[in-house]
Amino acid sequence: MKQLYRTTDMANMAFAKALLQGEDIDCFEMDVNMSVLEGSIGIFPRRLMVGTADYEAARTVLIDNGFSLED
């Protein structure tokens, strides 16, 4: 798996996941349970992971929909 997207904005994370699922690209959100440790104040970013084989296609989908991704 490879990190595709990282954010503290849960709305953007939900949108990114919906876009990828709409393209039949499997993704997995990591660090979801960190909110328990931080007290749900949103300081720790969550990471969106995709399979290595799907990485380029997933990257294209998010960029085409206005996401700014780190290299």
C-alpha atoms as a PDB file:
ATOM      1  CA  MET A   1       0.000   0.000   0.000  1.00  0.00           C
ATOM      2  CA  LYS A   2       1.054   3.530  -0.687  1.00  0.00           C
ATOM      3  CA  GLN A   3      -0.003   6.823   0.897  1.00  0.00           C
ATOM      4  CA  LEU A   4      -2.062   8.862  -1.532  1.00  0.00           C
ATOM      5  CA  TYR A   5      -3.527  11.645   0.587  1.00  0.00           C
ATOM      6  CA  ARG A   6      -3.066  13.067   4.064  1.00  0.00           C
ATOM      7  CA  THR A   7      -5.335  15.622   5.761  1.00  0.00           C
ATOM      8  CA  THR A   8      -7.017  16.762   8.947  1.00  0.00           C
ATOM      9  CA  ASP A   9     -10.121  17.803   6.973  1.00  0.00           C
ATOM     10  CA  MET A  10     -12.617  14.968   7.377  1.00  0.00           C
ATOM     11  CA  ALA A  11     -14.943  16.342   4.684  1.00  0.00           C
ATOM     12  CA  ASN A  12     -12.158  16.227   2.099  1.00  0.00           C
ATOM     13  CA  MET A  13     -11.201  12.738   3.260  1.00  0.00           C
ATOM     14  CA  ALA A  14     -14.782  11.507   2.824  1.00  0.00           C
ATOM     15  CA  PHE A  15     -14.957  13.113  -0.633  1.00  0.00           C
ATOM     16  CA  ALA A  16     -11.642  11.554  -1.697  1.00  0.00           C
ATOM     17  CA  LYS A  17     -12.786   8.116  -0.553  1.00  0.00           C
ATOM     18  CA  ALA A  18     -16.104   8.495  -2.397  1.00  0.00           C
ATOM     19  CA  LEU A  19     -14.323   9.510  -5.608  1.00  0.00           C
ATOM     20  CA  LEU A  20     -12.000   6.506  -5.444  1.00  0.00           C
ATOM     21  CA  GLN A  21     -14.782   4.081  -4.589  1.00  0.00           C
ATOM     22  CA  GLY A  22     -16.769   5.453  -7.529  1.00  0.00           C
ATOM     23  CA  GLU A  23     -13.863   4.474  -9.773  1.00  0.00           C
ATOM     24  CA  ASP A  24     -13.632   0.991  -8.155  1.00  0.00           C
ATOM     25  CA  ILE A  25     -10.282   1.804  -6.575  1.00  0.00           C
ATOM     26  CA  ASP A  26      -9.863   0.174  -3.171  1.00  0.00           C
ATOM     27  CA  CYS A  27      -8.642   2.529  -0.471  1.00  0.00           C
ATOM     28  CA  PHE A  28      -8.058   2.372   3.257  1.00  0.00           C
ATOM     29  CA  GLU A  29      -8.118   5.235   5.751  1.00  0.00           C
ATOM     30  CA  MET A  30      -5.397   4.998   8.385  1.00  0.00           C
ATOM     31  CA  ASP A  31      -5.015   6.761  11.735  1.00  0.00           C
ATOM     32  CA  VAL A  32      -8.779   6.923  12.296  1.00  0.00           C
ATOM     33  CA  ASN A  33      -8.440   5.834  15.914  1.00  0.00           C
ATOM     34  CA  MET A  34      -5.962   8.621  16.711  1.00  0.00           C
ATOM     35  CA  SER A  35      -8.992  10.829  17.415  1.00  0.00           C
ATOM     36  CA  VAL A  36      -9.511   8.857  20.611  1.00  0.00           C
ATOM     37  CA  LEU A  37      -6.021   9.788  21.779  1.00  0.00           C
ATOM     38  CA  GLU A  38      -6.218  13.430  20.704  1.00  0.00           C
ATOM     39  CA  GLY A  39      -9.679  14.077  22.103  1.00  0.00           C
ATOM     40  CA  SER A  40     -11.355  14.566  18.696  1.00  0.00           C
ATOM     41  CA  ILE A  41      -9.844  18.014  18.098  1.00  0.00           C
ATOM     42  CA  GLY A  42      -8.449  17.120  14.667  1.00  0.00           C
ATOM     43  CA  ILE A  43      -4.743  17.825  15.052  1.00  0.00           C
ATOM     44  CA  PHE A  44      -3.469  14.481  13.788  1.00  0.00           C
ATOM     45  CA  PRO A  45      -3.931  13.948  10.049  1.00  0.00           C
ATOM     46  CA  ARG A  46      -5.490  10.822   8.627  1.00  0.00           C
ATOM     47  CA  ARG A  47      -3.881   9.028   5.709  1.00  0.00           C
ATOM     48  CA  LEU A  48      -5.609   7.547   2.683  1.00  0.00           C
ATOM     49  CA  MET A  49      -3.818   4.479   1.373  1.00  0.00           C
ATOM     50  CA  VAL A  50      -4.217   2.695  -1.963  1.00  0.00           C
ATOM     51  CA  GLY A  51      -2.606  -0.360  -3.499  1.00  0.00           C
ATOM     52  CA  THR A  52       0.633   0.243  -5.360  1.00  0.00           C
ATOM     53  CA  ALA A  53      -0.939  -0.942  -8.623  1.00  0.00           C
ATOM     54  CA  ASP A  54      -3.791   1.586  -8.249  1.00  0.00           C
ATOM     55  CA  TYR A  55      -1.658   4.517  -7.105  1.00  0.00           C
ATOM     56  CA  GLU A  56      -1.295   6.382 -10.420  1.00  0.00           C
ATOM     57  CA  ALA A  57      -4.967   5.971 -11.353  1.00  0.00           C
ATOM     58  CA  ALA A  58      -6.058   7.104  -7.879  1.00  0.00           C
ATOM     59  CA  ARG A  59      -3.714  10.077  -8.013  1.00  0.00           C
ATOM     60  CA  THR A  60      -5.175  11.122 -11.370  1.00  0.00           C
ATOM     61  CA  VAL A  61      -8.740  10.872 -10.037  1.00  0.00           C
ATOM     62  CA  LEU A  62      -8.016  13.120  -7.065  1.00  0.00           C
ATOM     63  CA  ILE A  63      -5.987  15.682  -9.012  1.00  0.00           C
ATOM     64  CA  ASP A  64      -8.701  15.864 -11.697  1.00  0.00           C
ATOM     65  CA  ASN A  65     -11.159  16.703  -8.913  1.00  0.00           C
ATOM     66  CA  GLY A  66      -9.130  19.547  -7.431  1.00  0.00           C
ATOM     67  CA  PHE A  67      -7.068  17.836  -4.742  1.00  0.00           C
ATOM     68  CA  SER A  68      -3.520  18.998  -4.116  1.00  0.00           C
ATOM     69  CA  LEU A  69      -1.332  15.956  -3.431  1.00  0.00           C
ATOM     70  CA  GLU A  70       2.163  15.809  -1.978  1.00  0.00           C
ATOM     71  CA  ASP A  71       4.821  14.063  -4.032  1.00  0.00           C
END
